[in-house]
Amino acid sequence: MKDNQPLCLALGMQLDVPVIEQPELLKQAGFDRFAFDREKRGTSELTDALLKKAEKLDLPCEYIHAPFYGMDDIWHDDGGELAEIMLKDLYATIDDCHNYSVTYAVFHAIIGMDNHTPTQLGLERLDDVIDYAVRKNVKLAFENTEGEMYLEAILNRYREVENVGFCFDSGHELCYNYGRDILSKYSDRLFVTHLNDNKGMTGDELTFLDDSHLLPFDGIADWNGIVSRIKNCGYGGTLSFEVISKGRPNRTDNDIYKNLTAREYVEKAYSKAVEFRKILSAN
């Protein structure tokens, strides 16, 4: 791997600074690129403002993350009304990527811990979404979350579609996928990374509370193993980090950052990103 792979940080992070002001923090800390979550059922006003500001900073956008609040509706809403609401946001995300020359849109395959059965209805709905992305020349990176069988169904169905690939979330693999090696399973499809850490699955059942999105090396993830697997993928693209400064409800995992200012947190994130890249690039 190269020691100059671009480093990207996703905006948000539960910082006490408006999202529109965060690109400056990233640029000053040393990040090469940024990413952000599109507002659900919103207009492109925030997208437009962020990308115009980032252009002035010479801070390219690596990906736009689509809303995911209703991804289960795409698969299981036979009536279609709720599914249509979610689909509109997926199409809007693709439009934003196309209109602002952003290469990747990141999609969740599903949301909901109790969903385990992909449906033909959902795949047929995604057929149209993926066809639209191909026509708009936007690449879709589907993320490993809970319900990994949905990701499998999507990546199997569209294995021959060059615009469809994988977004590897290291934290989700640890706490949602029971530590199974999801990365190697889709190593030839890797488009985007979401690098973050957590304490693993701490209870008897899957829960979003464990998805703490700690900075790398602050949880229990096997980072040497992650490095080895990314090397085996031959991935030389942008290293993107998706982290948050504040914890989930009634959790204290992220309290190690509570005394940091927004600037200090972003600077710490950059130092961790550089450390990860250094390990990855080592012989």
C-alpha atoms as a PDB file:
ATOM      1  CA  MET A   1       0.000   0.000   0.000  1.00  0.00           C
ATOM      2  CA  LYS A   2       1.060   3.601  -0.601  1.00  0.00           C
ATOM      3  CA  ASP A   3       2.069   5.956   2.204  1.00  0.00           C
ATOM      4  CA  ASN A   4       0.210   8.783   0.468  1.00  0.00           C
ATOM      5  CA  GLN A   5      -3.272   7.279   0.250  1.00  0.00           C
ATOM      6  CA  PRO A   6      -5.741  10.153   0.784  1.00  0.00           C
ATOM      7  CA  LEU A   7      -7.308  10.400   4.229  1.00  0.00           C
ATOM      8  CA  CYS A   8     -11.013  11.216   4.503  1.00  0.00           C
ATOM      9  CA  LEU A   9     -13.180  12.016   7.511  1.00  0.00           C
ATOM     10  CA  ALA A  10     -16.973  11.951   7.517  1.00  0.00           C
ATOM     11  CA  LEU A  11     -18.625  15.102   8.849  1.00  0.00           C
ATOM     12  CA  GLY A  12     -21.047  15.045  11.733  1.00  0.00           C
ATOM     13  CA  MET A  13     -19.181  13.266  14.513  1.00  0.00           C
ATOM     14  CA  GLN A  14     -21.645  14.736  17.070  1.00  0.00           C
ATOM     15  CA  LEU A  15     -19.377  17.753  17.404  1.00  0.00           C
ATOM     16  CA  ASP A  16     -20.548  20.982  19.019  1.00  0.00           C
ATOM     17  CA  VAL A  17     -19.853  22.769  15.750  1.00  0.00           C
ATOM     18  CA  PRO A  18     -22.349  23.058  12.871  1.00  0.00           C
ATOM     19  CA  VAL A  19     -21.670  20.664  10.014  1.00  0.00           C
ATOM     20  CA  ILE A  20     -21.262  23.546   7.575  1.00  0.00           C
ATOM     21  CA  GLU A  21     -18.262  24.784   9.610  1.00  0.00           C
ATOM     22  CA  GLN A  22     -16.542  21.416   9.907  1.00  0.00           C
ATOM     23  CA  PRO A  23     -14.715  21.285   6.538  1.00  0.00           C
ATOM     24  CA  GLU A  24     -12.319  23.992   7.797  1.00  0.00           C
ATOM     25  CA  LEU A  25     -11.465  21.842  10.804  1.00  0.00           C
ATOM     26  CA  LEU A  26     -10.686  18.875   8.558  1.00  0.00           C
ATOM     27  CA  LYS A  27      -8.530  20.933   6.227  1.00  0.00           C
ATOM     28  CA  GLN A  28      -6.595  22.523   9.065  1.00  0.00           C
ATOM     29  CA  ALA A  29      -5.995  19.138  10.699  1.00  0.00           C
ATOM     30  CA  GLY A  30      -4.561  17.708   7.476  1.00  0.00           C
ATOM     31  CA  PHE A  31      -7.334  15.564   5.977  1.00  0.00           C
ATOM     32  CA  ASP A  32      -7.335  15.316   2.185  1.00  0.00           C
ATOM     33  CA  ARG A  33     -11.053  14.656   1.666  1.00  0.00           C
ATOM     34  CA  PHE A  34     -14.388  14.703   3.423  1.00  0.00           C
ATOM     35  CA  ALA A  35     -17.728  12.894   3.259  1.00  0.00           C
ATOM     36  CA  PHE A  36     -21.154  13.598   4.696  1.00  0.00           C
ATOM     37  CA  ASP A  37     -24.634  12.201   5.279  1.00  0.00           C
ATOM     38  CA  ARG A  38     -27.416  13.565   3.112  1.00  0.00           C
ATOM     39  CA  GLU A  39     -30.405  14.864   5.034  1.00  0.00           C
ATOM     40  CA  LYS A  40     -33.461  12.680   4.681  1.00  0.00           C
ATOM     41  CA  ARG A  41     -36.365  14.082   2.729  1.00  0.00           C
ATOM     42  CA  GLY A  42     -34.437  17.310   2.436  1.00  0.00           C
ATOM     43  CA  THR A  43     -33.405  19.522  -0.407  1.00  0.00           C
ATOM     44  CA  SER A  44     -29.865  19.798  -1.732  1.00  0.00           C
ATOM     45  CA  GLU A  45     -29.258  23.115   0.060  1.00  0.00           C
ATOM     46  CA  LEU A  46     -26.842  21.626   2.595  1.00  0.00           C
ATOM     47  CA  THR A  47     -25.153  19.569  -0.108  1.00  0.00           C
ATOM     48  CA  ASP A  48     -24.690  22.674  -2.229  1.00  0.00           C
ATOM     49  CA  ALA A  49     -23.349  24.754   0.655  1.00  0.00           C
ATOM     50  CA  LEU A  50     -20.935  22.071   1.845  1.00  0.00           C
ATOM     51  CA  LEU A  51     -19.526  21.311  -1.571  1.00  0.00           C
ATOM     52  CA  LYS A  52     -19.080  24.961  -2.495  1.00  0.00           C
ATOM     53  CA  LYS A  53     -17.241  25.590   0.767  1.00  0.00           C
ATOM     54  CA  ALA A  54     -15.118  22.456   0.329  1.00  0.00           C
ATOM     55  CA  GLU A  55     -14.224  23.478  -3.221  1.00  0.00           C
ATOM     56  CA  LYS A  56     -12.808  26.762  -1.923  1.00  0.00           C
ATOM     57  CA  LEU A  57     -10.778  24.775   0.602  1.00  0.00           C
ATOM     58  CA  ASP A  58      -9.551  22.315  -2.062  1.00  0.00           C
ATOM     59  CA  LEU A  59     -11.135  19.504  -0.030  1.00  0.00           C
ATOM     60  CA  PRO A  60     -12.780  17.001  -2.416  1.00  0.00           C
ATOM     61  CA  CYS A  61     -15.838  14.983  -1.402  1.00  0.00           C
ATOM     62  CA  GLU A  62     -15.188  11.225  -1.346  1.00  0.00           C
ATOM     63  CA  TYR A  63     -18.801  10.086  -0.978  1.00  0.00           C
ATOM     64  CA  ILE A  64     -22.296  11.131   0.023  1.00  0.00           C
ATOM     65  CA  HIS A  65     -24.025   8.798   2.469  1.00  0.00           C
ATOM     66  CA  ALA A  66     -27.696   8.251   1.671  1.00  0.00           C
ATOM     67  CA  PRO A  67     -30.331   8.327   4.433  1.00  0.00           C
ATOM     68  CA  PHE A  68     -31.107   4.851   5.734  1.00  0.00           C
ATOM     69  CA  TYR A  69     -34.092   5.315   8.045  1.00  0.00           C
ATOM     70  CA  GLY A  70     -36.431   3.310   5.785  1.00  0.00           C
ATOM     71  CA  MET A  71     -34.224   0.793   3.993  1.00  0.00           C
ATOM     72  CA  ASP A  72     -36.286  -2.020   5.538  1.00  0.00           C
ATOM     73  CA  ASP A  73     -39.362  -0.578   3.794  1.00  0.00           C
ATOM     74  CA  ILE A  74     -37.787  -1.188   0.395  1.00  0.00           C
ATOM     75  CA  TRP A  75     -37.674  -4.903   1.161  1.00  0.00           C
ATOM     76  CA  HIS A  76     -40.856  -5.426   3.156  1.00  0.00           C
ATOM     77  CA  ASP A  77     -43.413  -2.695   2.423  1.00  0.00           C
ATOM     78  CA  ASP A  78     -45.838  -4.452   0.059  1.00  0.00           C
ATOM     79  CA  GLY A  79     -48.090  -1.399  -0.104  1.00  0.00           C
ATOM     80  CA  GLY A  80     -45.238   0.684  -1.400  1.00  0.00           C
ATOM     81  CA  GLU A  81     -45.991   4.080   0.169  1.00  0.00           C
ATOM     82  CA  LEU A  82     -43.188   3.949   2.721  1.00  0.00           C
ATOM     83  CA  ALA A  83     -40.854   2.344   0.214  1.00  0.00           C
ATOM     84  CA  GLU A  84     -41.469   5.204  -2.208  1.00  0.00           C
ATOM     85  CA  ILE A  85     -40.424   7.742   0.434  1.00  0.00           C
ATOM     86  CA  MET A  86     -37.118   5.915   0.946  1.00  0.00           C
ATOM     87  CA  LEU A  87     -36.549   5.415  -2.762  1.00  0.00           C
ATOM     88  CA  LYS A  88     -36.919   9.148  -3.390  1.00  0.00           C
ATOM     89  CA  ASP A  89     -34.035   9.777  -0.997  1.00  0.00           C
ATOM     90  CA  LEU A  90     -31.864   7.181  -2.748  1.00  0.00           C
ATOM     91  CA  TYR A  91     -32.519   8.777  -6.128  1.00  0.00           C
ATOM     92  CA  ALA A  92     -31.863  12.240  -4.657  1.00  0.00           C
ATOM     93  CA  THR A  93     -28.517  11.058  -3.301  1.00  0.00           C
ATOM     94  CA  ILE A  94     -27.551   9.717  -6.720  1.00  0.00           C
ATOM     95  CA  ASP A  95     -28.599  13.027  -8.275  1.00  0.00           C
ATOM     96  CA  ASP A  96     -26.427  14.957  -5.805  1.00  0.00           C
ATOM     97  CA  CYS A  97     -23.425  12.759  -6.594  1.00  0.00           C
ATOM     98  CA  HIS A  98     -23.978  13.189 -10.327  1.00  0.00           C
ATOM     99  CA  ASN A  99     -24.582  16.939 -10.161  1.00  0.00           C
ATOM    100  CA  TYR A 100     -21.512  17.617  -7.993  1.00  0.00           C
ATOM    101  CA  SER A 101     -19.174  15.024  -9.561  1.00  0.00           C
ATOM    102  CA  VAL A 102     -18.942  12.887  -6.420  1.00  0.00           C
ATOM    103  CA  THR A 103     -17.904   9.363  -7.394  1.00  0.00           C
ATOM    104  CA  TYR A 104     -19.531   7.297  -4.642  1.00  0.00           C
ATOM    105  CA  ALA A 105     -22.877   7.107  -2.889  1.00  0.00           C
ATOM    106  CA  VAL A 106     -22.927   4.920   0.225  1.00  0.00           C
ATOM    107  CA  PHE A 107     -26.128   2.963   0.916  1.00  0.00           C
ATOM    108  CA  HIS A 108     -27.153   0.717   3.771  1.00  0.00           C
ATOM    109  CA  ALA A 109     -28.544  -2.597   2.569  1.00  0.00           C
ATOM    110  CA  ILE A 110     -31.027  -2.782   5.476  1.00  0.00           C
ATOM    111  CA  ILE A 111     -31.834  -1.301   8.861  1.00  0.00           C
ATOM    112  CA  GLY A 112     -33.331  -3.259  11.720  1.00  0.00           C
ATOM    113  CA  MET A 113     -31.945  -6.004  13.914  1.00  0.00           C
ATOM    114  CA  ASP A 114     -34.922  -8.310  13.313  1.00  0.00           C
ATOM    115  CA  ASN A 115     -34.765  -8.341   9.515  1.00  0.00           C
ATOM    116  CA  HIS A 116     -33.292 -11.541   8.130  1.00  0.00           C
ATOM    117  CA  THR A 117     -35.076 -12.315   4.852  1.00  0.00           C
ATOM    118  CA  PRO A 118     -34.260 -10.470   1.614  1.00  0.00           C
ATOM    119  CA  THR A 119     -37.201 -10.360  -0.774  1.00  0.00           C
ATOM    120  CA  GLN A 120     -37.607 -10.409  -4.527  1.00  0.00           C
ATOM    121  CA  LEU A 121     -39.688  -7.246  -4.167  1.00  0.00           C
ATOM    122  CA  GLY A 122     -36.750  -5.403  -2.635  1.00  0.00           C
ATOM    123  CA  LEU A 123     -34.328  -6.571  -5.302  1.00  0.00           C
ATOM    124  CA  GLU A 124     -36.696  -5.499  -8.072  1.00  0.00           C
ATOM    125  CA  ARG A 125     -36.967  -2.048  -6.517  1.00  0.00           C
ATOM    126  CA  LEU A 126     -33.198  -1.824  -6.332  1.00  0.00           C
ATOM    127  CA  ASP A 127     -32.952  -2.879  -9.983  1.00  0.00           C
ATOM    128  CA  ASP A 128     -34.364   0.502 -10.961  1.00  0.00           C
ATOM    129  CA  VAL A 129     -32.151   2.383  -8.483  1.00  0.00           C
ATOM    130  CA  ILE A 130     -29.004   0.712  -9.750  1.00  0.00           C
ATOM    131  CA  ASP A 131     -29.966   1.217 -13.375  1.00  0.00           C
ATOM    132  CA  TYR A 132     -30.419   4.916 -12.586  1.00  0.00           C
ATOM    133  CA  ALA A 133     -27.005   5.097 -10.891  1.00  0.00           C
ATOM    134  CA  VAL A 134     -25.366   3.471 -13.909  1.00  0.00           C
ATOM    135  CA  ARG A 135     -26.976   6.015 -16.225  1.00  0.00           C
ATOM    136  CA  LYS A 136     -25.807   8.832 -13.931  1.00  0.00           C
ATOM    137  CA  ASN A 137     -22.294   7.327 -13.692  1.00  0.00           C
ATOM    138  CA  VAL A 138     -22.452   7.096  -9.897  1.00  0.00           C
ATOM    139  CA  LYS A 139     -20.950   4.152  -8.025  1.00  0.00           C
ATOM    140  CA  LEU A 140     -23.005   2.637  -5.204  1.00  0.00           C
ATOM    141  CA  ALA A 141     -21.133   1.245  -2.193  1.00  0.00           C
ATOM    142  CA  PHE A 142     -23.382  -0.962  -0.048  1.00  0.00           C
ATOM    143  CA  GLU A 143     -22.355  -1.117   3.588  1.00  0.00           C
ATOM    144  CA  ASN A 144     -22.114  -4.086   5.920  1.00  0.00           C
ATOM    145  CA  THR A 145     -24.574  -3.476   8.744  1.00  0.00           C
ATOM    146  CA  GLU A 146     -26.875  -5.750  10.662  1.00  0.00           C
ATOM    147  CA  GLY A 147     -28.691  -8.244   8.424  1.00  0.00           C
ATOM    148  CA  GLU A 148     -25.648  -9.132   6.321  1.00  0.00           C
ATOM    149  CA  MET A 149     -27.786 -11.479   4.203  1.00  0.00           C
ATOM    150  CA  TYR A 150     -29.255  -8.370   2.532  1.00  0.00           C
ATOM    151  CA  LEU A 151     -25.780  -7.209   1.543  1.00  0.00           C
ATOM    152  CA  GLU A 152     -25.050 -10.676   0.206  1.00  0.00           C
ATOM    153  CA  ALA A 153     -28.246 -10.693  -1.858  1.00  0.00           C
ATOM    154  CA  ILE A 154     -27.404  -7.319  -3.396  1.00  0.00           C
ATOM    155  CA  LEU A 155     -23.765  -8.009  -4.196  1.00  0.00           C
ATOM    156  CA  ASN A 156     -24.615 -11.433  -5.647  1.00  0.00           C
ATOM    157  CA  ARG A 157     -27.393 -10.072  -7.859  1.00  0.00           C
ATOM    158  CA  TYR A 158     -25.254  -7.238  -9.217  1.00  0.00           C
ATOM    159  CA  ARG A 159     -21.893  -8.983  -9.311  1.00  0.00           C
ATOM    160  CA  GLU A 160     -21.452  -8.087 -12.980  1.00  0.00           C
ATOM    161  CA  VAL A 161     -22.412  -4.420 -12.538  1.00  0.00           C
ATOM    162  CA  GLU A 162     -19.225  -2.368 -12.248  1.00  0.00           C
ATOM    163  CA  ASN A 163     -21.039   0.481 -10.492  1.00  0.00           C
ATOM    164  CA  VAL A 164     -22.061  -1.713  -7.531  1.00  0.00           C
ATOM    165  CA  GLY A 165     -19.568  -2.471  -4.777  1.00  0.00           C
ATOM    166  CA  PHE A 166     -18.867  -2.685  -1.065  1.00  0.00           C
ATOM    167  CA  CYS A 167     -18.372  -0.177   1.753  1.00  0.00           C
ATOM    168  CA  PHE A 168     -16.431  -1.878   4.548  1.00  0.00           C
ATOM    169  CA  ASP A 169     -17.344  -0.686   8.034  1.00  0.00           C
ATOM    170  CA  SER A 170     -14.806  -2.138  10.455  1.00  0.00           C
ATOM    171  CA  GLY A 171     -16.912  -1.325  13.508  1.00  0.00           C
ATOM    172  CA  HIS A 172     -20.047  -2.910  12.073  1.00  0.00           C
ATOM    173  CA  GLU A 173     -18.097  -6.048  11.296  1.00  0.00           C
ATOM    174  CA  LEU A 174     -17.053  -6.259  14.931  1.00  0.00           C
ATOM    175  CA  CYS A 175     -20.381  -5.592  16.658  1.00  0.00           C
ATOM    176  CA  TYR A 176     -23.063  -6.365  14.025  1.00  0.00           C
ATOM    177  CA  ASN A 177     -21.469  -9.199  12.057  1.00  0.00           C
ATOM    178  CA  TYR A 178     -20.215 -11.125  15.104  1.00  0.00           C
ATOM    179  CA  GLY A 179     -16.601 -10.486  14.086  1.00  0.00           C
ATOM    180  CA  ARG A 180     -16.942 -12.519  10.885  1.00  0.00           C
ATOM    181  CA  ASP A 181     -14.562 -11.557   8.092  1.00  0.00           C
ATOM    182  CA  ILE A 182     -16.927  -9.611   5.848  1.00  0.00           C
ATOM    183  CA  LEU A 183     -14.078  -7.697   4.209  1.00  0.00           C
ATOM    184  CA  SER A 184     -12.390 -10.723   2.670  1.00  0.00           C
ATOM    185  CA  LYS A 185     -15.726 -12.052   1.436  1.00  0.00           C
ATOM    186  CA  TYR A 186     -16.138  -8.993  -0.795  1.00  0.00           C
ATOM    187  CA  SER A 187     -12.482  -8.042  -1.207  1.00  0.00           C
ATOM    188  CA  ASP A 188     -12.761  -7.653  -4.984  1.00  0.00           C
ATOM    189  CA  ARG A 189     -15.698  -5.252  -4.631  1.00  0.00           C
ATOM    190  CA  LEU A 190     -14.237  -2.764  -2.126  1.00  0.00           C
ATOM    191  CA  PHE A 191     -15.126   0.840  -3.047  1.00  0.00           C
ATOM    192  CA  VAL A 192     -15.185   2.736   0.273  1.00  0.00           C
ATOM    193  CA  THR A 193     -14.015   2.241   3.857  1.00  0.00           C
ATOM    194  CA  HIS A 194     -15.666   3.275   7.120  1.00  0.00           C
ATOM    195  CA  LEU A 195     -12.823   2.775   9.570  1.00  0.00           C
ATOM    196  CA  ASN A 196     -13.782   2.963  13.243  1.00  0.00           C
ATOM    197  CA  ASP A 197     -13.577   0.947  16.451  1.00  0.00           C
ATOM    198  CA  ASN A 198     -15.815  -0.256  19.294  1.00  0.00           C
ATOM    199  CA  LYS A 199     -15.946  -2.712  22.204  1.00  0.00           C
ATOM    200  CA  GLY A 200     -17.636  -5.475  20.227  1.00  0.00           C
ATOM    201  CA  MET A 201     -20.998  -7.053  20.975  1.00  0.00           C
ATOM    202  CA  THR A 202     -21.357  -6.565  24.730  1.00  0.00           C
ATOM    203  CA  GLY A 203     -24.777  -8.123  25.354  1.00  0.00           C
ATOM    204  CA  ASP A 204     -26.681 -11.236  24.360  1.00  0.00           C
ATOM    205  CA  GLU A 205     -28.414  -9.573  21.407  1.00  0.00           C
ATOM    206  CA  LEU A 206     -27.454  -7.246  18.586  1.00  0.00           C
ATOM    207  CA  THR A 207     -28.053  -3.605  19.426  1.00  0.00           C
ATOM    208  CA  PHE A 208     -27.020  -0.285  17.928  1.00  0.00           C
ATOM    209  CA  LEU A 209     -25.686   0.756  21.349  1.00  0.00           C
ATOM    210  CA  ASP A 210     -22.476  -1.189  20.695  1.00  0.00           C
ATOM    211  CA  ASP A 211     -21.839   0.704  17.446  1.00  0.00           C
ATOM    212  CA  SER A 212     -19.843   3.404  19.221  1.00  0.00           C
ATOM    213  CA  HIS A 213     -17.710   4.542  16.251  1.00  0.00           C
ATOM    214  CA  LEU A 214     -14.606   5.095  18.361  1.00  0.00           C
ATOM    215  CA  LEU A 215     -11.393   6.314  16.800  1.00  0.00           C
ATOM    216  CA  PRO A 216      -9.126   3.497  15.589  1.00  0.00           C
ATOM    217  CA  PHE A 217      -7.106   1.786  18.320  1.00  0.00           C
ATOM    218  CA  ASP A 218      -9.502   2.986  21.070  1.00  0.00           C
ATOM    219  CA  GLY A 219     -11.614  -0.202  21.128  1.00  0.00           C
ATOM    220  CA  ILE A 220     -10.928  -3.903  20.738  1.00  0.00           C
ATOM    221  CA  ALA A 221     -10.741  -4.242  16.950  1.00  0.00           C
ATOM    222  CA  ASP A 222      -7.828  -6.279  15.587  1.00  0.00           C
ATOM    223  CA  TRP A 223      -6.188  -3.496  13.606  1.00  0.00           C
ATOM    224  CA  ASN A 224      -3.254  -5.618  12.493  1.00  0.00           C
ATOM    225  CA  GLY A 225      -5.809  -8.060  11.097  1.00  0.00           C
ATOM    226  CA  ILE A 226      -7.722  -5.268   9.385  1.00  0.00           C
ATOM    227  CA  VAL A 227      -4.493  -3.982   7.845  1.00  0.00           C
ATOM    228  CA  SER A 228      -3.610  -7.451   6.612  1.00  0.00           C
ATOM    229  CA  ARG A 229      -7.012  -7.953   5.041  1.00  0.00           C
ATOM    230  CA  ILE A 230      -7.027  -4.554   3.339  1.00  0.00           C
ATOM    231  CA  LYS A 231      -3.585  -5.338   1.932  1.00  0.00           C
ATOM    232  CA  ASN A 232      -4.898  -8.643   0.623  1.00  0.00           C
ATOM    233  CA  CYS A 233      -7.671  -6.716  -1.146  1.00  0.00           C
ATOM    234  CA  GLY A 234      -5.067  -4.715  -3.019  1.00  0.00           C
ATOM    235  CA  TYR A 235      -7.024  -1.607  -2.067  1.00  0.00           C
ATOM    236  CA  GLY A 236      -5.101   1.565  -2.784  1.00  0.00           C
ATOM    237  CA  GLY A 237      -7.905   4.094  -2.616  1.00  0.00           C
ATOM    238  CA  THR A 238      -8.951   6.690  -0.076  1.00  0.00           C
ATOM    239  CA  LEU A 239      -8.953   5.653   3.583  1.00  0.00           C
ATOM    240  CA  SER A 240     -12.203   7.001   4.997  1.00  0.00           C
ATOM    241  CA  PHE A 241     -12.973   7.213   8.709  1.00  0.00           C
ATOM    242  CA  GLU A 242     -16.489   7.412  10.157  1.00  0.00           C
ATOM    243  CA  VAL A 243     -16.320   8.228  13.880  1.00  0.00           C
ATOM    244  CA  ILE A 244     -18.326  10.037  16.546  1.00  0.00           C
ATOM    245  CA  SER A 245     -17.210  12.004  19.590  1.00  0.00           C
ATOM    246  CA  LYS A 246     -20.192  11.304  21.836  1.00  0.00           C
ATOM    247  CA  GLY A 247     -21.582   7.938  22.945  1.00  0.00           C
ATOM    248  CA  ARG A 248     -24.850   6.134  22.463  1.00  0.00           C
ATOM    249  CA  PRO A 249     -27.593   6.583  25.090  1.00  0.00           C
ATOM    250  CA  ASN A 250     -26.478   5.433  28.535  1.00  0.00           C
ATOM    251  CA  ARG A 251     -23.080   4.328  27.213  1.00  0.00           C
ATOM    252  CA  THR A 252     -19.697   5.644  28.320  1.00  0.00           C
ATOM    253  CA  ASP A 253     -17.433   4.266  25.560  1.00  0.00           C
ATOM    254  CA  ASN A 254     -16.885   7.706  24.037  1.00  0.00           C
ATOM    255  CA  ASP A 255     -16.292   9.516  27.317  1.00  0.00           C
ATOM    256  CA  ILE A 256     -12.558   9.400  26.579  1.00  0.00           C
ATOM    257  CA  TYR A 257     -13.192  12.305  24.182  1.00  0.00           C
ATOM    258  CA  LYS A 258     -15.491  14.407  26.402  1.00  0.00           C
ATOM    259  CA  ASN A 259     -12.824  16.956  27.349  1.00  0.00           C
ATOM    260  CA  LEU A 260     -11.698  17.554  23.769  1.00  0.00           C
ATOM    261  CA  THR A 261     -12.794  20.570  21.786  1.00  0.00           C
ATOM    262  CA  ALA A 262     -14.104  19.966  18.282  1.00  0.00           C
ATOM    263  CA  ARG A 263     -10.757  21.017  16.849  1.00  0.00           C
ATOM    264  CA  GLU A 264      -8.846  18.750  19.221  1.00  0.00           C
ATOM    265  CA  TYR A 265     -11.090  15.810  18.374  1.00  0.00           C
ATOM    266  CA  VAL A 266     -10.562  16.253  14.638  1.00  0.00           C
ATOM    267  CA  GLU A 267      -6.821  16.607  15.167  1.00  0.00           C
ATOM    268  CA  LYS A 268      -6.825  13.405  17.210  1.00  0.00           C
ATOM    269  CA  ALA A 269      -8.797  11.680  14.449  1.00  0.00           C
ATOM    270  CA  TYR A 270      -6.168  12.795  11.952  1.00  0.00           C
ATOM    271  CA  SER A 271      -3.303  11.459  14.061  1.00  0.00           C
ATOM    272  CA  LYS A 272      -5.065   8.096  14.318  1.00  0.00           C
ATOM    273  CA  ALA A 273      -5.685   8.082  10.557  1.00  0.00           C
ATOM    274  CA  VAL A 274      -2.018   8.790   9.864  1.00  0.00           C
ATOM    275  CA  GLU A 275      -1.025   6.021  12.272  1.00  0.00           C
ATOM    276  CA  PHE A 276      -3.305   3.567  10.489  1.00  0.00           C
ATOM    277  CA  ARG A 277      -1.969   4.567   7.065  1.00  0.00           C
ATOM    278  CA  LYS A 278       1.605   4.192   8.279  1.00  0.00           C
ATOM    279  CA  ILE A 279       0.935   0.629   9.442  1.00  0.00           C
ATOM    280  CA  LEU A 280      -0.862  -0.167   6.199  1.00  0.00           C
ATOM    281  CA  SER A 281       1.969   1.151   4.055  1.00  0.00           C
ATOM    282  CA  ALA A 282       4.711  -0.645   5.983  1.00  0.00           C
ATOM    283  CA  ASN A 283       6.364  -3.625   4.312  1.00  0.00           C
END
